[in-house]
Amino acid sequence: MTAPQPLKRASIALLRQIAAHDLGNGVLFQPAPRGCRKIDGTDFSTRDETFRLPAQLQLITIEHPRLGVWKIQLTHAGHDYLAKADERRAKHGPIKGARASLIVVDEAVRGHHA
């Protein structure tokens, strides 16, 4: 099994949100300020360009049911990508660099205020 092509965190978050909110008919995204799209009825929004690479990799399909509205669905490849990403995440654990940075900052703050 090959590792999935790395996507930016925003694209992976987008795929996860689509999977979580799709009840079988896709997820509607409405236009939002600053070049963003928002899942209808939620607070989740992401920039328009976040959709580009998942669409190019055929992980999602994009339809335009109404002017300005996007209907997004995960493809079979998109579901597979998320499954592989979850396996990889479980195998490798959290991002160590980010956690190490937080520990260093936390220790520095505590040491500074002590």
PDB file of N, CA and C in Angstrom:
ATOM      1  N   MET A   1       0.854  -1.182   0.000  1.00  0.00           N
ATOM      2  CA  MET A   1       0.000   0.000   0.000  1.00  0.00           C
ATOM      3  C   MET A   1       0.894   1.238   0.000  1.00  0.00           C
ATOM      4  N   THR A   2       0.684   2.108  -0.941  1.00  0.00           N
ATOM      5  CA  THR A   2       1.489   3.318  -1.015  1.00  0.00           C
ATOM      6  C   THR A   2       0.866   4.403  -0.148  1.00  0.00           C
ATOM      7  N   ALA A   3       1.715   5.291   0.335  1.00  0.00           N
ATOM      8  CA  ALA A   3       1.221   6.405   1.145  1.00  0.00           C
ATOM      9  C   ALA A   3       0.479   7.378   0.248  1.00  0.00           C
ATOM     10  N   PRO A   4      -0.574   7.993   0.763  1.00  0.00           N
ATOM     11  CA  PRO A   4      -1.301   8.960  -0.049  1.00  0.00           C
ATOM     12  C   PRO A   4      -0.436  10.175  -0.353  1.00  0.00           C
ATOM     13  N   GLN A   5      -0.693  10.791  -1.517  1.00  0.00           N
ATOM     14  CA  GLN A   5       0.030  12.014  -1.848  1.00  0.00           C
ATOM     15  C   GLN A   5      -0.287  13.034  -0.768  1.00  0.00           C
ATOM     16  N   PRO A   6       0.740  13.682  -0.238  1.00  0.00           N
ATOM     17  CA  PRO A   6       0.477  14.622   0.847  1.00  0.00           C
ATOM     18  C   PRO A   6      -0.356  15.820   0.387  1.00  0.00           C
ATOM     19  N   LEU A   7      -1.369  16.103   1.143  1.00  0.00           N
ATOM     20  CA  LEU A   7      -2.176  17.302   0.942  1.00  0.00           C
ATOM     21  C   LEU A   7      -1.903  18.232   2.102  1.00  0.00           C
ATOM     22  N   LYS A   8      -2.151  19.496   1.899  1.00  0.00           N
ATOM     23  CA  LYS A   8      -2.034  20.445   2.997  1.00  0.00           C
ATOM     24  C   LYS A   8      -3.102  20.135   4.044  1.00  0.00           C
ATOM     25  N   ARG A   9      -2.843  20.543   5.264  1.00  0.00           N
ATOM     26  CA  ARG A   9      -3.792  20.289   6.355  1.00  0.00           C
ATOM     27  C   ARG A   9      -5.182  20.818   6.044  1.00  0.00           C
ATOM     28  N   ALA A  10      -5.254  21.960   5.388  1.00  0.00           N
ATOM     29  CA  ALA A  10      -6.560  22.538   5.063  1.00  0.00           C
ATOM     30  C   ALA A  10      -7.342  21.623   4.121  1.00  0.00           C
ATOM     31  N   SER A  11      -6.658  21.002   3.161  1.00  0.00           N
ATOM     32  CA  SER A  11      -7.336  20.095   2.235  1.00  0.00           C
ATOM     33  C   SER A  11      -7.805  18.831   2.947  1.00  0.00           C
ATOM     34  N   ILE A  12      -6.988  18.316   3.857  1.00  0.00           N
ATOM     35  CA  ILE A  12      -7.386  17.129   4.612  1.00  0.00           C
ATOM     36  C   ILE A  12      -8.566  17.473   5.527  1.00  0.00           C
ATOM     37  N   ALA A  13      -8.529  18.640   6.151  1.00  0.00           N
ATOM     38  CA  ALA A  13      -9.654  19.074   6.988  1.00  0.00           C
ATOM     39  C   ALA A  13     -10.920  19.190   6.142  1.00  0.00           C
ATOM     40  N   LEU A  14     -10.778  19.688   4.927  1.00  0.00           N
ATOM     41  CA  LEU A  14     -11.916  19.791   4.023  1.00  0.00           C
ATOM     42  C   LEU A  14     -12.505  18.404   3.739  1.00  0.00           C
ATOM     43  N   LEU A  15     -11.643  17.447   3.408  1.00  0.00           N
ATOM     44  CA  LEU A  15     -12.120  16.087   3.139  1.00  0.00           C
ATOM     45  C   LEU A  15     -12.830  15.503   4.357  1.00  0.00           C
ATOM     46  N   ARG A  16     -12.266  15.731   5.533  1.00  0.00           N
ATOM     47  CA  ARG A  16     -12.881  15.214   6.771  1.00  0.00           C
ATOM     48  C   ARG A  16     -14.257  15.847   7.008  1.00  0.00           C
ATOM     49  N   GLN A  17     -14.368  17.143   6.759  1.00  0.00           N
ATOM     50  CA  GLN A  17     -15.649  17.829   6.953  1.00  0.00           C
ATOM     51  C   GLN A  17     -16.697  17.328   5.957  1.00  0.00           C
ATOM     52  N   ILE A  18     -16.285  17.117   4.728  1.00  0.00           N
ATOM     53  CA  ILE A  18     -17.218  16.592   3.728  1.00  0.00           C
ATOM     54  C   ILE A  18     -17.700  15.214   4.165  1.00  0.00           C
ATOM     55  N   ALA A  19     -16.772  14.351   4.576  1.00  0.00           N
ATOM     56  CA  ALA A  19     -17.141  13.004   5.016  1.00  0.00           C
ATOM     57  C   ALA A  19     -18.085  13.057   6.218  1.00  0.00           C
ATOM     58  N   ALA A  20     -17.835  13.972   7.138  1.00  0.00           N
ATOM     59  CA  ALA A  20     -18.647  14.066   8.356  1.00  0.00           C
ATOM     60  C   ALA A  20     -20.052  14.597   8.082  1.00  0.00           C
ATOM     61  N   HIS A  21     -20.206  15.466   7.100  1.00  0.00           N
ATOM     62  CA  HIS A  21     -21.496  16.122   6.854  1.00  0.00           C
ATOM     63  C   HIS A  21     -22.303  15.548   5.695  1.00  0.00           C
ATOM     64  N   ASP A  22     -21.700  14.657   4.906  1.00  0.00           N
ATOM     65  CA  ASP A  22     -22.418  14.114   3.753  1.00  0.00           C
ATOM     66  C   ASP A  22     -23.339  12.987   4.194  1.00  0.00           C
ATOM     67  N   LEU A  23     -24.621  13.193   4.002  1.00  0.00           N
ATOM     68  CA  LEU A  23     -25.619  12.174   4.335  1.00  0.00           C
ATOM     69  C   LEU A  23     -26.029  11.378   3.101  1.00  0.00           C
ATOM     70  N   GLY A  24     -25.252  11.473   2.037  1.00  0.00           N
ATOM     71  CA  GLY A  24     -25.518  10.718   0.826  1.00  0.00           C
ATOM     72  C   GLY A  24     -25.824  11.566  -0.392  1.00  0.00           C
ATOM     73  N   ASN A  25     -26.115  12.837  -0.181  1.00  0.00           N
ATOM     74  CA  ASN A  25     -26.452  13.720  -1.307  1.00  0.00           C
ATOM     75  C   ASN A  25     -25.402  14.790  -1.554  1.00  0.00           C
ATOM     76  N   GLY A  26     -24.250  14.692  -0.920  1.00  0.00           N
ATOM     77  CA  GLY A  26     -23.225  15.711  -1.048  1.00  0.00           C
ATOM     78  C   GLY A  26     -23.390  16.790   0.009  1.00  0.00           C
ATOM     79  N   VAL A  27     -22.462  17.706   0.015  1.00  0.00           N
ATOM     80  CA  VAL A  27     -22.435  18.797   0.989  1.00  0.00           C
ATOM     81  C   VAL A  27     -22.486  20.110   0.221  1.00  0.00           C
ATOM     82  N   LEU A  28     -23.386  20.998   0.631  1.00  0.00           N
ATOM     83  CA  LEU A  28     -23.500  22.294  -0.037  1.00  0.00           C
ATOM     84  C   LEU A  28     -22.566  23.305   0.616  1.00  0.00           C
ATOM     85  N   PHE A  29     -21.823  24.008  -0.220  1.00  0.00           N
ATOM     86  CA  PHE A  29     -20.935  25.081   0.217  1.00  0.00           C
ATOM     87  C   PHE A  29     -21.462  26.383  -0.352  1.00  0.00           C
ATOM     88  N   GLN A  30     -21.661  27.340   0.538  1.00  0.00           N
ATOM     89  CA  GLN A  30     -22.141  28.664   0.159  1.00  0.00           C
ATOM     90  C   GLN A  30     -20.950  29.623   0.078  1.00  0.00           C
ATOM     91  N   PRO A  31     -21.045  30.674  -0.711  1.00  0.00           N
ATOM     92  CA  PRO A  31     -19.990  31.687  -0.721  1.00  0.00           C
ATOM     93  C   PRO A  31     -19.869  32.333   0.658  1.00  0.00           C
ATOM     94  N   ALA A  32     -18.645  32.633   1.043  1.00  0.00           N
ATOM     95  CA  ALA A  32     -18.360  33.301   2.319  1.00  0.00           C
ATOM     96  C   ALA A  32     -17.361  34.427   2.043  1.00  0.00           C
ATOM     97  N   PRO A  33     -17.202  35.349   2.978  1.00  0.00           N
ATOM     98  CA  PRO A  33     -16.273  36.469   2.759  1.00  0.00           C
ATOM     99  C   PRO A  33     -14.826  36.027   2.520  1.00  0.00           C
ATOM    100  N   ARG A  34     -14.079  36.902   1.897  1.00  0.00           N
ATOM    101  CA  ARG A  34     -12.639  36.763   1.665  1.00  0.00           C
ATOM    102  C   ARG A  34     -12.260  35.542   0.839  1.00  0.00           C
ATOM    103  N   GLY A  35     -13.030  35.246  -0.202  1.00  0.00           N
ATOM    104  CA  GLY A  35     -12.684  34.135  -1.082  1.00  0.00           C
ATOM    105  C   GLY A  35     -12.829  32.773  -0.448  1.00  0.00           C
ATOM    106  N   CYS A  36     -13.763  32.650   0.463  1.00  0.00           N
ATOM    107  CA  CYS A  36     -13.981  31.381   1.165  1.00  0.00           C
ATOM    108  C   CYS A  36     -15.314  30.767   0.791  1.00  0.00           C
ATOM    109  N   ARG A  37     -15.483  29.528   1.182  1.00  0.00           N
ATOM    110  CA  ARG A  37     -16.736  28.787   1.060  1.00  0.00           C
ATOM    111  C   ARG A  37     -17.037  28.189   2.413  1.00  0.00           C
ATOM    112  N   LYS A  38     -18.331  28.168   2.765  1.00  0.00           N
ATOM    113  CA  LYS A  38     -18.769  27.686   4.068  1.00  0.00           C
ATOM    114  C   LYS A  38     -19.765  26.554   3.869  1.00  0.00           C
ATOM    115  N   ILE A  39     -19.619  25.482   4.669  1.00  0.00           N
ATOM    116  CA  ILE A  39     -20.599  24.396   4.612  1.00  0.00           C
ATOM    117  C   ILE A  39     -21.915  24.950   5.123  1.00  0.00           C
ATOM    118  N   ASP A  40     -22.939  24.764   4.328  1.00  0.00           N
ATOM    119  CA  ASP A  40     -24.269  25.245   4.667  1.00  0.00           C
ATOM    120  C   ASP A  40     -24.681  24.735   6.049  1.00  0.00           C
ATOM    121  N   GLY A  41     -25.049  25.651   6.942  1.00  0.00           N
ATOM    122  CA  GLY A  41     -25.530  25.294   8.273  1.00  0.00           C
ATOM    123  C   GLY A  41     -24.454  25.011   9.303  1.00  0.00           C
ATOM    124  N   THR A  42     -23.189  25.292   8.991  1.00  0.00           N
ATOM    125  CA  THR A  42     -22.095  25.062   9.949  1.00  0.00           C
ATOM    126  C   THR A  42     -21.220  26.307  10.037  1.00  0.00           C
ATOM    127  N   ASP A  43     -20.228  26.245  10.900  1.00  0.00           N
ATOM    128  CA  ASP A  43     -19.237  27.314  11.009  1.00  0.00           C
ATOM    129  C   ASP A  43     -17.972  27.009  10.202  1.00  0.00           C
ATOM    130  N   PHE A  44     -17.897  25.813   9.608  1.00  0.00           N
ATOM    131  CA  PHE A  44     -16.690  25.439   8.860  1.00  0.00           C
ATOM    132  C   PHE A  44     -16.621  26.195   7.547  1.00  0.00           C
ATOM    133  N   SER A  45     -15.501  26.882   7.345  1.00  0.00           N
ATOM    134  CA  SER A  45     -15.257  27.535   6.060  1.00  0.00           C
ATOM    135  C   SER A  45     -13.796  27.355   5.686  1.00  0.00           C
ATOM    136  N   THR A  46     -13.544  27.422   4.391  1.00  0.00           N
ATOM    137  CA  THR A  46     -12.181  27.281   3.891  1.00  0.00           C
ATOM    138  C   THR A  46     -12.066  28.084   2.596  1.00  0.00           C
ATOM    139  N   ARG A  47     -10.855  28.407   2.240  1.00  0.00           N
ATOM    140  CA  ARG A  47     -10.619  29.205   1.039  1.00  0.00           C
ATOM    141  C   ARG A  47     -10.955  28.395  -0.213  1.00  0.00           C
ATOM    142  N   ASP A  48     -11.393  29.093  -1.244  1.00  0.00           N
ATOM    143  CA  ASP A  48     -11.753  28.446  -2.511  1.00  0.00           C
ATOM    144  C   ASP A  48     -10.623  27.574  -3.060  1.00  0.00           C
ATOM    145  N   GLU A  49      -9.377  28.036  -2.935  1.00  0.00           N
ATOM    146  CA  GLU A  49      -8.263  27.286  -3.517  1.00  0.00           C
ATOM    147  C   GLU A  49      -8.023  25.948  -2.820  1.00  0.00           C
ATOM    148  N   THR A  50      -8.578  25.750  -1.627  1.00  0.00           N
ATOM    149  CA  THR A  50      -8.423  24.484  -0.908  1.00  0.00           C
ATOM    150  C   THR A  50      -9.072  23.335  -1.685  1.00  0.00           C
ATOM    151  N   PHE A  51     -10.038  23.637  -2.523  1.00  0.00           N
ATOM    152  CA  PHE A  51     -10.750  22.619  -3.288  1.00  0.00           C
ATOM    153  C   PHE A  51      -9.963  22.165  -4.521  1.00  0.00           C
ATOM    154  N   ARG A  52      -9.014  22.988  -4.982  1.00  0.00           N
ATOM    155  CA  ARG A  52      -8.365  22.754  -6.267  1.00  0.00           C
ATOM    156  C   ARG A  52      -7.634  21.408  -6.343  1.00  0.00           C
ATOM    157  N   LEU A  53      -6.696  21.149  -5.443  1.00  0.00           N
ATOM    158  CA  LEU A  53      -5.903  19.920  -5.530  1.00  0.00           C
ATOM    159  C   LEU A  53      -6.746  18.667  -5.291  1.00  0.00           C
ATOM    160  N   PRO A  54      -7.622  18.631  -4.273  1.00  0.00           N
ATOM    161  CA  PRO A  54      -8.475  17.440  -4.149  1.00  0.00           C
ATOM    162  C   PRO A  54      -9.322  17.177  -5.399  1.00  0.00           C
ATOM    163  N   ALA A  55      -9.776  18.229  -6.062  1.00  0.00           N
ATOM    164  CA  ALA A  55     -10.544  18.043  -7.297  1.00  0.00           C
ATOM    165  C   ALA A  55      -9.647  17.521  -8.415  1.00  0.00           C
ATOM    166  N   GLN A  56      -8.426  18.071  -8.531  1.00  0.00           N
ATOM    167  CA  GLN A  56      -7.491  17.618  -9.567  1.00  0.00           C
ATOM    168  C   GLN A  56      -7.113  16.151  -9.366  1.00  0.00           C
ATOM    169  N   LEU A  57      -6.999  15.740  -8.102  1.00  0.00           N
ATOM    170  CA  LEU A  57      -6.646  14.351  -7.788  1.00  0.00           C
ATOM    171  C   LEU A  57      -7.874  13.432  -7.810  1.00  0.00           C
ATOM    172  N   GLN A  58      -9.013  13.996  -8.155  1.00  0.00           N
ATOM    173  CA  GLN A  58     -10.288  13.281  -8.233  1.00  0.00           C
ATOM    174  C   GLN A  58     -10.680  12.653  -6.899  1.00  0.00           C
ATOM    175  N   LEU A  59     -10.387  13.379  -5.805  1.00  0.00           N
ATOM    176  CA  LEU A  59     -10.802  12.960  -4.473  1.00  0.00           C
ATOM    177  C   LEU A  59     -12.195  13.495  -4.153  1.00  0.00           C
ATOM    178  N   ILE A  60     -12.602  14.547  -4.877  1.00  0.00           N
ATOM    179  CA  ILE A  60     -13.931  15.138  -4.714  1.00  0.00           C
ATOM    180  C   ILE A  60     -14.511  15.447  -6.083  1.00  0.00           C
ATOM    181  N   THR A  61     -15.843  15.553  -6.118  1.00  0.00           N
ATOM    182  CA  THR A  61     -16.513  16.060  -7.310  1.00  0.00           C
ATOM    183  C   THR A  61     -17.200  17.356  -6.921  1.00  0.00           C
ATOM    184  N   ILE A  62     -17.240  18.280  -7.850  1.00  0.00           N
ATOM    185  CA  ILE A  62     -17.860  19.579  -7.608  1.00  0.00           C
ATOM    186  C   ILE A  62     -18.950  19.799  -8.643  1.00  0.00           C
ATOM    187  N   GLU A  63     -20.162  20.039  -8.161  1.00  0.00           N
ATOM    188  CA  GLU A  63     -21.285  20.394  -9.030  1.00  0.00           C
ATOM    189  C   GLU A  63     -21.741  21.791  -8.644  1.00  0.00           C
ATOM    190  N   HIS A  64     -22.474  22.424  -9.525  1.00  0.00           N
ATOM    191  CA  HIS A  64     -22.972  23.779  -9.299  1.00  0.00           C
ATOM    192  C   HIS A  64     -24.489  23.781  -9.449  1.00  0.00           C
ATOM    193  N   PRO A  65     -25.216  23.351  -8.392  1.00  0.00           N
ATOM    194  CA  PRO A  65     -26.677  23.244  -8.509  1.00  0.00           C
ATOM    195  C   PRO A  65     -27.383  24.594  -8.634  1.00  0.00           C
ATOM    196  N   ARG A  66     -26.797  25.632  -8.068  1.00  0.00           N
ATOM    197  CA  ARG A  66     -27.339  26.991  -8.156  1.00  0.00           C
ATOM    198  C   ARG A  66     -26.181  27.964  -8.271  1.00  0.00           C
ATOM    199  N   LEU A  67     -26.474  29.136  -8.735  1.00  0.00           N
ATOM    200  CA  LEU A  67     -25.443  30.161  -8.884  1.00  0.00           C
ATOM    201  C   LEU A  67     -24.733  30.402  -7.552  1.00  0.00           C
ATOM    202  N   GLY A  68     -23.425  30.227  -7.537  1.00  0.00           N
ATOM    203  CA  GLY A  68     -22.619  30.481  -6.356  1.00  0.00           C
ATOM    204  C   GLY A  68     -22.555  29.339  -5.360  1.00  0.00           C
ATOM    205  N   VAL A  69     -23.397  28.333  -5.518  1.00  0.00           N
ATOM    206  CA  VAL A  69     -23.433  27.206  -4.580  1.00  0.00           C
ATOM    207  C   VAL A  69     -22.676  26.030  -5.189  1.00  0.00           C
ATOM    208  N   TRP A  70     -21.837  25.402  -4.367  1.00  0.00           N
ATOM    209  CA  TRP A  70     -21.114  24.215  -4.809  1.00  0.00           C
ATOM    210  C   TRP A  70     -21.632  23.012  -4.035  1.00  0.00           C
ATOM    211  N   LYS A  71     -21.885  21.933  -4.744  1.00  0.00           N
ATOM    212  CA  LYS A  71     -22.248  20.661  -4.115  1.00  0.00           C
ATOM    213  C   LYS A  71     -21.036  19.749  -4.258  1.00  0.00           C
ATOM    214  N   ILE A  72     -20.474  19.356  -3.128  1.00  0.00           N
ATOM    215  CA  ILE A  72     -19.236  18.586  -3.109  1.00  0.00           C
ATOM    216  C   ILE A  72     -19.509  17.192  -2.562  1.00  0.00           C
ATOM    217  N   GLN A  73     -18.923  16.194  -3.225  1.00  0.00           N
ATOM    218  CA  GLN A  73     -18.992  14.829  -2.732  1.00  0.00           C
ATOM    219  C   GLN A  73     -17.606  14.210  -2.779  1.00  0.00           C
ATOM    220  N   LEU A  74     -17.313  13.367  -1.789  1.00  0.00           N
ATOM    221  CA  LEU A  74     -16.083  12.591  -1.830  1.00  0.00           C
ATOM    222  C   LEU A  74     -16.258  11.477  -2.844  1.00  0.00           C
ATOM    223  N   THR A  75     -15.244  11.226  -3.616  1.00  0.00           N
ATOM    224  CA  THR A  75     -15.258  10.092  -4.529  1.00  0.00           C
ATOM    225  C   THR A  75     -14.783   8.860  -3.756  1.00  0.00           C
ATOM    226  N   HIS A  76     -14.814   7.729  -4.415  1.00  0.00           N
ATOM    227  CA  HIS A  76     -14.280   6.508  -3.800  1.00  0.00           C
ATOM    228  C   HIS A  76     -12.803   6.723  -3.451  1.00  0.00           C
ATOM    229  N   ALA A  77     -12.078   7.374  -4.368  1.00  0.00           N
ATOM    230  CA  ALA A  77     -10.659   7.675  -4.127  1.00  0.00           C
ATOM    231  C   ALA A  77     -10.496   8.603  -2.919  1.00  0.00           C
ATOM    232  N   GLY A  78     -11.430   9.529  -2.726  1.00  0.00           N
ATOM    233  CA  GLY A  78     -11.381  10.420  -1.573  1.00  0.00           C
ATOM    234  C   GLY A  78     -11.561   9.682  -0.271  1.00  0.00           C
ATOM    235  N   HIS A  79     -12.504   8.742  -0.253  1.00  0.00           N
ATOM    236  CA  HIS A  79     -12.702   7.917   0.951  1.00  0.00           C
ATOM    237  C   HIS A  79     -11.459   7.071   1.225  1.00  0.00           C
ATOM    238  N   ASP A  80     -10.870   6.506   0.164  1.00  0.00           N
ATOM    239  CA  ASP A  80      -9.641   5.722   0.321  1.00  0.00           C
ATOM    240  C   ASP A  80      -8.503   6.584   0.853  1.00  0.00           C
ATOM    241  N   TYR A  81      -8.396   7.802   0.321  1.00  0.00           N
ATOM    242  CA  TYR A  81      -7.345   8.715   0.778  1.00  0.00           C
ATOM    243  C   TYR A  81      -7.471   8.970   2.277  1.00  0.00           C
ATOM    244  N   LEU A  82      -8.683   9.277   2.739  1.00  0.00           N
ATOM    245  CA  LEU A  82      -8.887   9.529   4.166  1.00  0.00           C
ATOM    246  C   LEU A  82      -8.560   8.301   5.001  1.00  0.00           C
ATOM    247  N   ALA A  83      -8.935   7.126   4.533  1.00  0.00           N
ATOM    248  CA  ALA A  83      -8.636   5.895   5.275  1.00  0.00           C
ATOM    249  C   ALA A  83      -7.125   5.706   5.404  1.00  0.00           C
ATOM    250  N   LYS A  84      -6.394   5.916   4.304  1.00  0.00           N
ATOM    251  CA  LYS A  84      -4.930   5.780   4.343  1.00  0.00           C
ATOM    252  C   LYS A  84      -4.306   6.861   5.227  1.00  0.00           C
ATOM    253  N   ALA A  85      -4.828   8.070   5.153  1.00  0.00           N
ATOM    254  CA  ALA A  85      -4.309   9.159   5.990  1.00  0.00           C
ATOM    255  C   ALA A  85      -4.555   8.842   7.466  1.00  0.00           C
ATOM    256  N   ASP A  86      -5.718   8.275   7.790  1.00  0.00           N
ATOM    257  CA  ASP A  86      -6.012   7.904   9.174  1.00  0.00           C
ATOM    258  C   ASP A  86      -5.101   6.781   9.656  1.00  0.00           C
ATOM    259  N   GLU A  87      -4.844   5.802   8.776  1.00  0.00           N
ATOM    260  CA  GLU A  87      -3.912   4.721   9.130  1.00  0.00           C
ATOM    261  C   GLU A  87      -2.524   5.288   9.402  1.00  0.00           C
ATOM    262  N   ARG A  88      -2.090   6.166   8.541  1.00  0.00           N
ATOM    263  CA  ARG A  88      -0.762   6.776   8.691  1.00  0.00           C
ATOM    264  C   ARG A  88      -0.690   7.607   9.969  1.00  0.00           C
ATOM    265  N   ARG A  89      -1.760   8.339  10.256  1.00  0.00           N
ATOM    266  CA  ARG A  89      -1.823   9.165  11.454  1.00  0.00           C
ATOM    267  C   ARG A  89      -1.766   8.295  12.707  1.00  0.00           C
ATOM    268  N   ALA A  90      -2.502   7.176  12.706  1.00  0.00           N
ATOM    269  CA  ALA A  90      -2.506   6.266  13.852  1.00  0.00           C
ATOM    270  C   ALA A  90      -1.127   5.622  14.030  1.00  0.00           C
ATOM    271  N   LYS A  91      -0.486   5.283  12.917  1.00  0.00           N
ATOM    272  CA  LYS A  91       0.822   4.622  12.959  1.00  0.00           C
ATOM    273  C   LYS A  91       1.915   5.561  13.457  1.00  0.00           C
ATOM    274  N   HIS A  92       1.885   6.796  12.983  1.00  0.00           N
ATOM    275  CA  HIS A  92       2.966   7.728  13.294  1.00  0.00           C
ATOM    276  C   HIS A  92       2.650   8.662  14.452  1.00  0.00           C
ATOM    277  N   GLY A  93       1.422   8.668  14.912  1.00  0.00           N
ATOM    278  CA  GLY A  93       1.056   9.516  16.040  1.00  0.00           C
ATOM    279  C   GLY A  93       0.990  10.971  15.656  1.00  0.00           C
ATOM    280  N   PRO A  94       0.861  11.823  16.662  1.00  0.00           N
ATOM    281  CA  PRO A  94       0.758  13.253  16.383  1.00  0.00           C
ATOM    282  C   PRO A  94       2.051  13.811  15.797  1.00  0.00           C
ATOM    283  N   ILE A  95       1.951  14.965  15.242  1.00  0.00           N
ATOM    284  CA  ILE A  95       3.119  15.623  14.653  1.00  0.00           C
ATOM    285  C   ILE A  95       4.070  16.004  15.775  1.00  0.00           C
ATOM    286  N   LYS A  96       5.232  15.372  15.766  1.00  0.00           N
ATOM    287  CA  LYS A  96       6.160  15.551  16.879  1.00  0.00           C
ATOM    288  C   LYS A  96       6.764  16.946  16.932  1.00  0.00           C
ATOM    289  N   GLY A  97       7.050  17.523  15.798  1.00  0.00           N
ATOM    290  CA  GLY A  97       7.653  18.854  15.777  1.00  0.00           C
ATOM    291  C   GLY A  97       6.746  19.889  16.392  1.00  0.00           C
ATOM    292  N   ALA A  98       5.459  19.810  16.094  1.00  0.00           N
ATOM    293  CA  ALA A  98       4.511  20.776  16.648  1.00  0.00           C
ATOM    294  C   ALA A  98       4.421  20.620  18.157  1.00  0.00           C
ATOM    295  N   ARG A  99       4.347  19.380  18.635  1.00  0.00           N
ATOM    296  CA  ARG A  99       4.256  19.157  20.073  1.00  0.00           C
ATOM    297  C   ARG A  99       5.535  19.623  20.761  1.00  0.00           C
ATOM    298  N   ALA A 100       6.701  19.326  20.174  1.00  0.00           N
ATOM    299  CA  ALA A 100       7.967  19.742  20.761  1.00  0.00           C
ATOM    300  C   ALA A 100       8.034  21.257  20.859  1.00  0.00           C
ATOM    301  N   SER A 101       7.559  21.953  19.836  1.00  0.00           N
ATOM    302  CA  SER A 101       7.570  23.413  19.868  1.00  0.00           C
ATOM    303  C   SER A 101       6.686  23.942  20.981  1.00  0.00           C
ATOM    304  N   LEU A 102       5.526  23.329  21.170  1.00  0.00           N
ATOM    305  CA  LEU A 102       4.622  23.767  22.236  1.00  0.00           C
ATOM    306  C   LEU A 102       5.246  23.546  23.604  1.00  0.00           C
ATOM    307  N   ILE A 103       5.948  22.430  23.784  1.00  0.00           N
ATOM    308  CA  ILE A 103       6.586  22.158  25.067  1.00  0.00           C
ATOM    309  C   ILE A 103       7.675  23.180  25.334  1.00  0.00           C
ATOM    310  N   VAL A 104       8.476  23.479  24.333  1.00  0.00           N
ATOM    311  CA  VAL A 104       9.552  24.464  24.502  1.00  0.00           C
ATOM    312  C   VAL A 104       8.971  25.827  24.859  1.00  0.00           C
ATOM    313  N   VAL A 105       7.930  26.248  24.148  1.00  0.00           N
ATOM    314  CA  VAL A 105       7.300  27.534  24.427  1.00  0.00           C
ATOM    315  C   VAL A 105       6.697  27.532  25.825  1.00  0.00           C
ATOM    316  N   ASP A 106       6.002  26.457  26.194  1.00  0.00           N
ATOM    317  CA  ASP A 106       5.389  26.363  27.514  1.00  0.00           C
ATOM    318  C   ASP A 106       6.448  26.443  28.610  1.00  0.00           C
ATOM    319  N   GLU A 107       7.548  25.728  28.435  1.00  0.00           N
ATOM    320  CA  GLU A 107       8.609  25.764  29.436  1.00  0.00           C
ATOM    321  C   GLU A 107       9.241  27.155  29.516  1.00  0.00           C
ATOM    322  N   ALA A 108       9.392  27.797  28.377  1.00  0.00           N
ATOM    323  CA  ALA A 108       9.972  29.132  28.367  1.00  0.00           C
ATOM    324  C   ALA A 108       9.061  30.129  29.087  1.00  0.00           C
ATOM    325  N   VAL A 109       7.762  30.013  28.862  1.00  0.00           N
ATOM    326  CA  VAL A 109       6.803  30.913  29.500  1.00  0.00           C
ATOM    327  C   VAL A 109       6.792  30.662  31.000  1.00  0.00           C
ATOM    328  N   ARG A 110       6.743  29.412  31.418  1.00  0.00           N
ATOM    329  CA  ARG A 110       6.734  29.105  32.849  1.00  0.00           C
ATOM    330  C   ARG A 110       8.024  29.564  33.512  1.00  0.00           C
ATOM    331  N   GLY A 111       9.158  29.344  32.849  1.00  0.00           N
ATOM    332  CA  GLY A 111      10.442  29.751  33.407  1.00  0.00           C
ATOM    333  C   GLY A 111      10.553  31.261  33.509  1.00  0.00           C
ATOM    334  N   HIS A 112       9.958  31.981  32.553  1.00  0.00           N
ATOM    335  CA  HIS A 112      10.010  33.431  32.521  1.00  0.00           C
ATOM    336  C   HIS A 112       9.179  34.048  33.638  1.00  0.00           C
ATOM    337  N   HIS A 113       8.024  33.413  33.938  1.00  0.00           N
ATOM    338  CA  HIS A 113       7.122  33.958  34.951  1.00  0.00           C
ATOM    339  C   HIS A 113       7.383  33.418  36.344  1.00  0.00           C
ATOM    340  N   ALA A 114       8.306  32.481  36.484  1.00  0.00           N
ATOM    341  CA  ALA A 114       8.545  31.849  37.799  1.00  0.00           C
ATOM    342  C   ALA A 114       9.328  32.760  38.712  1.00  0.00           C
TER     343      ALA A 114
END
